[in-house]
Protein backbone atom coordinates (compact mmCIF):
# COMPACT_ATOMS: atom_id res chain seq x y z
CA UNK A 1 -1.75 -22.28 2.66
CA UNK A 2 1.13 -20.06 3.76
CA UNK A 3 0.16 -19.95 7.41
CA UNK A 4 0.56 -23.72 7.65
CA UNK A 5 4.18 -23.30 6.65
CA UNK A 6 4.77 -20.97 9.56
CA UNK A 7 7.98 -21.58 11.37
CA UNK A 8 6.89 -19.89 14.63
CA UNK A 9 3.52 -19.15 15.77
CA UNK A 10 -17.21 19.01 12.36
CA UNK A 11 -19.14 16.01 12.52
CA UNK A 12 -18.53 12.80 14.32
CA UNK A 13 -17.78 10.90 11.08
CA UNK A 14 -15.19 13.48 10.04
CA UNK A 15 -13.60 13.40 13.49
CA UNK A 16 -13.42 9.63 13.34
CA UNK A 17 -12.13 9.54 9.78
CA UNK A 18 -9.09 11.54 10.89
CA UNK A 19 -9.00 9.16 13.79
CA UNK A 20 -8.90 -0.68 21.50
CA UNK A 21 -7.13 -1.16 24.71
CA UNK A 22 -3.69 -1.70 26.04
CA UNK A 23 -4.66 -2.24 29.66
CA UNK A 24 -4.88 -5.99 29.07
CA UNK A 25 -1.28 -6.02 27.90
CA UNK A 26 0.05 -4.32 31.02
CA UNK A 27 2.81 -1.74 31.16
CA UNK A 28 6.00 -2.85 32.82
CA UNK A 29 8.07 -0.46 34.87
CA UNK A 30 10.72 -0.54 32.19
CA UNK A 31 8.26 -0.02 29.41
CA UNK A 32 9.40 1.32 26.03
CA UNK A 33 9.43 5.10 25.77
CA UNK A 34 6.55 5.11 23.29
CA UNK A 35 4.31 3.41 25.87
CA UNK A 36 2.50 5.75 28.29
CA UNK A 37 0.13 5.30 31.22
CA UNK A 38 -2.76 6.07 28.88
CA UNK A 39 -1.65 4.47 25.63
CA UNK A 40 1.08 5.31 23.15
CA UNK A 41 3.09 8.24 21.84
CA UNK A 42 5.49 8.95 19.00
CA UNK A 43 9.25 8.72 19.21
CA UNK A 44 10.11 12.19 17.95
CA UNK A 45 6.96 14.30 18.40
CA UNK A 46 5.97 16.01 21.65
CA UNK A 47 2.76 14.38 23.00
CA UNK A 48 0.86 17.69 22.94
CA UNK A 49 1.28 17.81 19.15
CA UNK A 50 0.04 14.29 18.50
CA UNK A 51 -3.63 15.19 18.16
CA UNK A 52 -5.36 18.44 17.42
CA UNK A 53 -7.68 20.28 19.78
CA UNK A 54 -11.32 20.69 18.93
CA UNK A 55 -10.73 24.43 18.45
CA UNK A 56 -8.11 23.73 15.73
CA UNK A 57 -10.39 21.15 14.14
CA UNK A 58 -13.20 23.70 14.13
CA UNK A 59 -10.90 26.34 12.64
CA UNK A 60 -9.99 23.97 9.84
CA UNK A 61 -13.62 23.03 9.23
CA UNK A 62 -14.67 26.66 9.06
CA UNK A 63 -11.97 27.49 6.52
CA UNK A 64 -11.98 24.35 4.42
CA UNK A 65 -11.29 24.45 0.71
CA UNK A 66 -13.59 21.95 -0.98
CA UNK A 67 -11.88 19.63 -3.44
CA UNK A 68 -13.06 19.74 -7.00
CA UNK A 69 -14.07 16.27 -8.26
CA UNK A 70 -11.69 14.80 -10.83
CA UNK A 71 -12.24 11.96 -13.24
CA UNK A 72 -9.65 9.30 -12.49
CA UNK A 73 -9.10 6.39 -14.83
CA UNK A 74 -10.00 3.05 -13.33
CA UNK A 75 -8.23 0.06 -14.90
CA UNK A 76 -9.91 -3.30 -14.70
CA UNK A 77 -7.21 -5.78 -13.69
CA UNK A 78 -6.91 -9.27 -15.10
CA UNK A 79 -8.81 -10.89 -12.27
CA UNK A 80 -8.35 -14.45 -13.53
CA UNK A 81 -4.60 -13.96 -13.76
CA UNK A 82 -4.38 -12.48 -10.26
CA UNK A 83 -6.44 -15.29 -8.78
CA UNK A 84 -4.30 -18.00 -10.34
CA UNK A 85 -0.91 -16.26 -10.15
CA UNK A 86 1.65 -17.94 -7.94
CA UNK A 87 4.83 -17.23 -9.90
CA UNK A 88 4.87 -13.65 -11.24
CA UNK A 89 5.67 -10.86 -8.74
CA UNK A 90 2.94 -8.20 -9.01
CA UNK A 91 1.71 -5.12 -7.25
CA UNK A 92 -1.87 -3.89 -7.79
CA UNK A 93 -3.17 -0.58 -6.41
CA UNK A 94 -6.74 -1.16 -5.24
CA UNK A 95 -6.98 2.42 -3.96
CA UNK A 96 -5.91 4.74 -1.13
CA UNK A 97 -3.53 2.59 1.01
CA UNK A 98 -4.74 -0.76 -0.21
CA UNK A 99 -2.38 -2.82 -2.36
CA UNK A 100 -2.28 -6.46 -3.35
CA UNK A 101 1.32 -7.68 -3.40
CA UNK A 102 1.96 -11.09 -4.93
CA UNK A 103 5.37 -12.59 -4.38
CA UNK A 104 6.62 -16.17 -4.40
CA UNK A 105 3.12 -17.59 -4.28
CA UNK A 106 2.02 -15.38 -1.36
CA UNK A 107 -0.89 -12.92 -1.60
CA UNK A 108 -0.48 -10.04 0.83
CA UNK A 109 -2.88 -7.08 1.15
CA UNK A 110 -2.22 -3.79 2.93
CA UNK A 111 -4.83 -1.80 4.94
CA UNK A 112 -7.74 -3.38 3.05
CA UNK A 113 -10.57 -0.88 2.47
CA UNK A 114 -13.02 -1.83 -0.28
CA UNK A 115 -16.23 -0.11 0.82
CA UNK A 116 -17.72 3.31 0.02
CA UNK A 117 -16.97 5.48 3.05
CA UNK A 118 -14.15 6.04 5.52
CA UNK A 119 -16.59 6.46 8.36
CA UNK A 120 -18.40 4.55 11.11
CA UNK A 121 -21.69 5.18 9.29
CA UNK A 122 -22.69 4.62 5.68
CA UNK A 123 -24.34 7.99 5.08
CA UNK A 124 -21.74 10.53 6.28
CA UNK A 125 -17.99 11.00 6.18
CA UNK A 126 -15.37 10.92 3.40
CA UNK A 127 -16.76 9.06 0.41
CA UNK A 128 -14.88 7.04 -2.16
CA UNK A 129 -15.12 8.69 -5.58
CA UNK A 130 -13.10 6.02 -7.40
CA UNK A 131 -14.30 2.44 -7.15
CA UNK A 132 -11.84 -0.10 -5.73
CA UNK A 133 -9.52 -1.49 -8.36
CA UNK A 134 -10.51 -4.97 -7.17
CA UNK A 135 -13.80 -5.85 -5.55
CA UNK A 136 -13.95 -8.21 -2.61
CA UNK A 137 -15.14 -11.02 -4.88
CA UNK A 138 -12.31 -10.29 -7.35
CA UNK A 139 -9.60 -10.92 -4.80
CA UNK A 140 -7.46 -14.05 -4.89
CA UNK A 141 -7.12 -16.09 -1.72
CA UNK A 142 -5.38 -13.75 0.73
CA UNK A 143 -2.60 -15.19 2.85
CA UNK A 144 -1.50 -12.17 4.88
CA UNK A 145 -3.15 -8.86 5.84
CA UNK A 146 -1.07 -6.06 7.35
CA UNK A 147 -2.81 -3.23 9.18
CA UNK A 148 -1.13 0.10 9.97
CA UNK A 149 -3.63 1.61 12.44
CA UNK A 150 -7.29 1.97 13.31
CA UNK A 151 -8.43 5.10 11.44
CA UNK A 152 -11.49 4.50 9.30
CA UNK A 153 -9.71 4.98 5.97
CA UNK A 154 -7.25 2.21 6.88
CA UNK A 155 -9.17 -0.27 9.00
CA UNK A 156 -12.58 -1.12 7.56
CA UNK A 157 -14.82 -3.48 9.50
CA UNK A 158 -16.85 -4.69 6.53
CA UNK A 159 -13.75 -5.47 4.48
CA UNK A 160 -11.96 -7.27 7.32
CA UNK A 161 -15.03 -9.40 8.04
CA UNK A 162 -15.52 -10.21 4.35
CA UNK A 163 -11.93 -11.39 3.96
CA UNK A 164 -12.58 -13.99 6.64
CA UNK A 165 -16.07 -14.90 5.44
CA UNK A 166 -14.76 -15.53 1.90
CA UNK A 167 -12.11 -17.94 3.20
CA UNK A 168 -13.81 -19.82 6.07
CA UNK A 169 -11.62 -22.88 5.77
CA UNK A 170 -8.40 -20.93 5.57
CA UNK A 171 -8.78 -17.29 6.74
CA UNK A 172 -5.91 -14.88 6.21
CA UNK A 173 -3.37 -14.06 8.88
CA UNK A 174 -3.86 -10.54 10.21
CA UNK A 175 -0.78 -8.70 11.50
CA UNK A 176 -1.77 -5.63 13.51
CA UNK A 177 -0.17 -3.05 15.84
CA UNK A 178 -0.30 -3.56 19.57
CA UNK A 179 -3.77 -3.32 21.06
CA UNK A 180 -5.84 -4.08 17.95
CA UNK A 181 -6.35 -7.78 18.57
CA UNK A 182 -9.27 -6.96 20.87
CA UNK A 183 -10.99 -4.99 18.08
CA UNK A 184 -10.76 -7.99 15.78
CA UNK A 185 -12.11 -10.27 18.50
CA UNK A 186 -15.04 -7.91 18.99
CA UNK A 187 -16.07 -8.30 15.36
CA UNK A 188 -15.71 -12.07 15.52
CA UNK A 189 -12.18 -12.54 14.16
CA UNK A 190 -10.48 -14.40 17.00
CA UNK A 191 -8.08 -16.68 15.18
CA UNK A 192 -4.92 -15.86 13.25
CA UNK A 193 -4.55 -12.31 14.54
CA UNK A 194 -1.03 -11.38 15.68
CA UNK A 195 -0.35 -8.01 17.28
CA UNK A 196 3.12 -6.57 17.47
CA UNK A 197 4.91 -3.65 19.11
CA UNK A 198 7.42 -1.52 17.23
CA UNK A 199 10.50 -3.50 16.20
CA UNK A 200 8.82 -6.81 16.98
CA UNK A 201 8.52 -9.39 14.22
CA UNK A 202 6.60 -12.48 13.24
CA UNK A 203 7.84 -15.26 10.99
CA UNK A 204 5.66 -17.00 8.43
CA UNK A 205 7.53 -19.65 6.54
CA UNK A 206 10.72 -17.96 5.33
CA UNK A 207 9.14 -14.51 5.53
CA UNK A 208 9.72 -12.13 8.44
CA UNK A 209 7.24 -9.30 8.98
CA UNK A 210 8.40 -6.45 11.18
CA UNK A 211 6.29 -3.70 12.78
CA UNK A 212 8.21 -0.44 12.59
CA UNK A 213 7.64 3.01 14.11
CA UNK A 214 6.02 5.79 12.09
CA UNK A 215 4.74 9.17 13.26
CA UNK A 216 0.98 9.13 13.57
CA UNK A 217 -1.81 8.53 16.09
CA UNK A 218 -4.90 6.41 16.57
CA UNK A 219 -8.56 6.90 17.36
CA UNK A 220 -11.75 5.14 16.41
CA UNK A 221 -14.21 6.67 18.88
CA UNK A 222 -14.45 9.70 21.09
CA UNK A 223 -12.59 8.31 24.09
CA UNK A 224 -9.90 5.97 22.77
CA UNK A 225 -7.28 8.41 21.47
CA UNK A 226 -3.90 6.65 21.15
CA UNK A 227 -5.07 3.59 23.09
CA UNK A 228 -3.85 1.36 20.27
CA UNK A 229 -0.55 1.55 18.45
CA UNK A 230 0.10 2.57 14.85
CA UNK A 231 2.91 1.15 12.70
CA UNK A 232 4.54 0.76 9.34
CA UNK A 233 5.71 -2.66 8.14
CA UNK A 234 9.01 -3.94 6.83
CA UNK A 235 8.42 -7.24 5.11
CA UNK A 236 11.49 -9.36 4.56
CA UNK A 237 10.82 -12.05 1.99
CA UNK A 238 13.51 -14.13 0.26
CA UNK A 239 15.40 -11.85 -2.12
CA UNK A 240 12.91 -9.01 -1.65
CA UNK A 241 12.19 -6.37 1.01
CA UNK A 242 9.00 -4.35 1.00
CA UNK A 243 8.27 -1.30 3.16
CA UNK A 244 4.66 -0.25 3.78
CA UNK A 245 4.71 3.14 5.51
CA UNK A 246 1.04 3.12 6.49
CA UNK A 247 0.08 6.65 7.50
CA UNK A 248 2.79 8.99 8.75
CA UNK A 249 4.14 12.43 9.27
CA UNK A 250 7.83 12.94 8.57
CA UNK A 251 10.24 12.04 11.38
CA UNK A 252 13.59 10.46 12.20
CA UNK A 253 11.76 7.12 12.25
CA UNK A 254 12.28 6.61 8.51
CA UNK A 255 16.03 7.03 8.90
CA UNK A 256 15.96 4.56 11.79
CA UNK A 257 14.18 2.05 9.55
CA UNK A 258 16.72 2.56 6.79
CA UNK A 259 19.61 2.05 9.17
CA UNK A 260 18.13 -1.14 10.59
CA UNK A 261 16.99 -2.88 7.42
CA UNK A 262 19.18 -1.43 4.71
CA UNK A 263 17.82 -0.70 1.24
CA UNK A 264 14.21 -1.56 0.44
CA UNK A 265 13.35 -3.10 -2.91
CA UNK A 266 9.76 -1.78 -2.91
CA UNK A 267 8.25 0.97 -0.76
CA UNK A 268 4.63 2.04 -0.52
CA UNK A 269 4.66 5.62 0.72
CA UNK A 270 1.81 8.09 1.30
CA UNK A 271 1.87 11.27 -0.79
CA UNK A 272 -1.57 12.77 -0.11
CA UNK A 273 -3.93 14.10 2.59
CA UNK A 274 -1.50 16.84 3.66
CA UNK A 275 -3.40 20.16 3.40
CA UNK A 276 -3.64 22.50 5.21
CA UNK A 277 -0.10 22.03 6.45
CA UNK A 278 -0.67 23.86 9.72
CA UNK A 279 -3.13 21.13 10.65
CA UNK A 280 -1.81 18.05 8.84
CA UNK A 281 1.97 18.34 8.97
CA UNK A 282 2.59 16.24 12.07
CA UNK A 283 0.43 13.35 10.88
CA UNK A 284 0.65 13.30 7.05
CA UNK A 285 3.64 13.75 4.78
CA UNK A 286 3.46 15.82 1.63
CA UNK A 287 5.19 14.71 -1.62
CA UNK A 288 8.43 16.46 -0.65
CA UNK A 289 8.60 14.52 2.62
CA UNK A 290 7.50 11.34 0.89
CA UNK A 291 10.56 11.55 -1.35
CA UNK A 292 12.70 12.07 1.74
CA UNK A 293 11.28 8.87 3.22
CA UNK A 294 12.05 7.14 -0.08
CA UNK A 295 15.65 8.26 0.33
CA UNK A 296 15.82 7.50 4.07
CA UNK A 297 14.84 3.86 3.57
CA UNK A 298 17.11 3.65 0.52
CA UNK A 299 14.22 2.46 -1.63
CA UNK A 300 15.07 1.10 -5.05
CA UNK A 301 11.49 1.61 -6.22
CA UNK A 302 8.55 3.38 -4.54
CA UNK A 303 4.85 3.82 -5.28
CA UNK A 304 2.75 6.68 -3.97
CA UNK A 305 -0.45 5.94 -2.06
CA UNK A 306 -2.99 7.61 0.25
CA UNK A 307 -4.31 9.95 -2.43
CA UNK A 308 -6.90 10.22 -5.17
CA UNK A 309 -9.49 7.90 -3.63
CA UNK A 310 -11.65 9.64 -0.99
CA UNK A 311 -13.28 13.03 -1.65
CA UNK A 312 -12.74 15.82 0.91
CA UNK A 313 -10.54 13.77 3.20
CA UNK A 314 -8.27 16.86 3.25
CA UNK A 315 -7.94 20.06 1.22
CA UNK A 316 -5.25 19.76 -1.48
CA UNK A 317 -6.46 19.45 -5.10
CA UNK A 318 -6.92 15.79 -5.95
CA UNK A 319 -4.32 15.75 -8.73
CA UNK A 320 -1.72 17.76 -6.85
CA UNK A 321 0.03 14.92 -4.97
CA UNK A 322 1.00 13.07 -8.14
CA UNK A 323 1.98 16.29 -9.96
CA UNK A 324 4.06 17.57 -7.06
CA UNK A 325 5.79 14.19 -6.69
CA UNK A 326 7.10 14.47 -10.24
CA UNK A 327 8.33 18.00 -9.55
CA UNK A 328 10.19 16.95 -6.41
CA UNK A 329 11.93 14.11 -8.21
CA UNK A 330 13.07 16.57 -10.88
CA UNK A 331 14.24 19.09 -8.30
CA UNK A 332 16.26 16.43 -6.50
CA UNK A 333 17.60 15.00 -9.77
CA UNK A 334 16.15 11.58 -9.02
CA UNK A 335 14.94 9.20 -11.70
CA UNK A 336 11.21 9.63 -12.38
CA UNK A 337 10.97 5.85 -12.57
CA UNK A 338 12.25 5.46 -9.01
CA UNK A 339 9.08 6.81 -7.36
CA UNK A 340 5.86 6.64 -9.32
CA UNK A 341 2.11 6.78 -9.02
CA UNK A 342 -0.17 4.26 -10.73
CA UNK A 343 -3.77 4.24 -11.83
CA UNK A 344 -6.50 2.68 -9.71
CA UNK A 345 -6.61 -1.01 -10.51
CA UNK A 346 -3.27 -0.96 -12.31
CA UNK A 347 -1.08 -4.05 -11.91
CA UNK A 348 2.68 -3.73 -12.10
CA UNK A 349 4.61 -6.86 -13.01
CA UNK A 350 7.73 -6.40 -10.99
């Protein structure tokens, strides 16, 4: 498959859902500024604002506004077409931050999460209220998996393991931020895992995949805060550039990405999980900031993600991100076709 063409080789569940080591990598004296003695930090956010204190978390929990369930339409994709497709460029929203991107015979999936909860346990924590647009058994053979960070709504152990188990003879290549290779080894995935620092890249055939800085944080347990890196991804394929923002608050980083890579053809940008702003602003963009990222990276076409999938992940009404996105585009006099949302399971033929 593609890899062979490579040119060069509060409750605990809630706490974790908002949320592995770099010691083995070593920190040189002239380490990058986002490396610290204890892990990693953002480029443009003071370290003390990276994570929230327990008192602020408790304040939010005590004043939460429960989300009202909404009936979202789930489209059943043409599974046979997607499995056999090697010629038509497509983008399918599986849900939350999980997309299947098919381009030039390559099947790439982002932050694959196809189980029921964003939690370390199967009985507590944010629960999926819309089924995945594609089930694990519906997926075509996956060539590349890109991971943005280790929070439970983005890095799902069962899904990662299943992707390998379904392709034992030719498992996918996992590209992950610095420090996450050990996590994959711990769950038995020891081959074809490449970890990258910000601005580092890995070539696969004539594709170049670049880890880029975004403003966020990492945690999977109680004592590993920011011990592994978080990242967005700029994927440079022949005649096409795709930006996957992962999970991010708004910062100068998006302008830096735009300056380095030029205009993006496709961008996958979060628009949800932003309320209340006093708690979420540093880590999650709202639709207004999402549109600014769209402009910063000079995106020709963007799709909103990180919304409408998990119940009570944050506080904004479930339909608000998509509605507000349309309002922002109107206010900024931008084409409504330039930044859209799609239905769960919907496949765009690009």
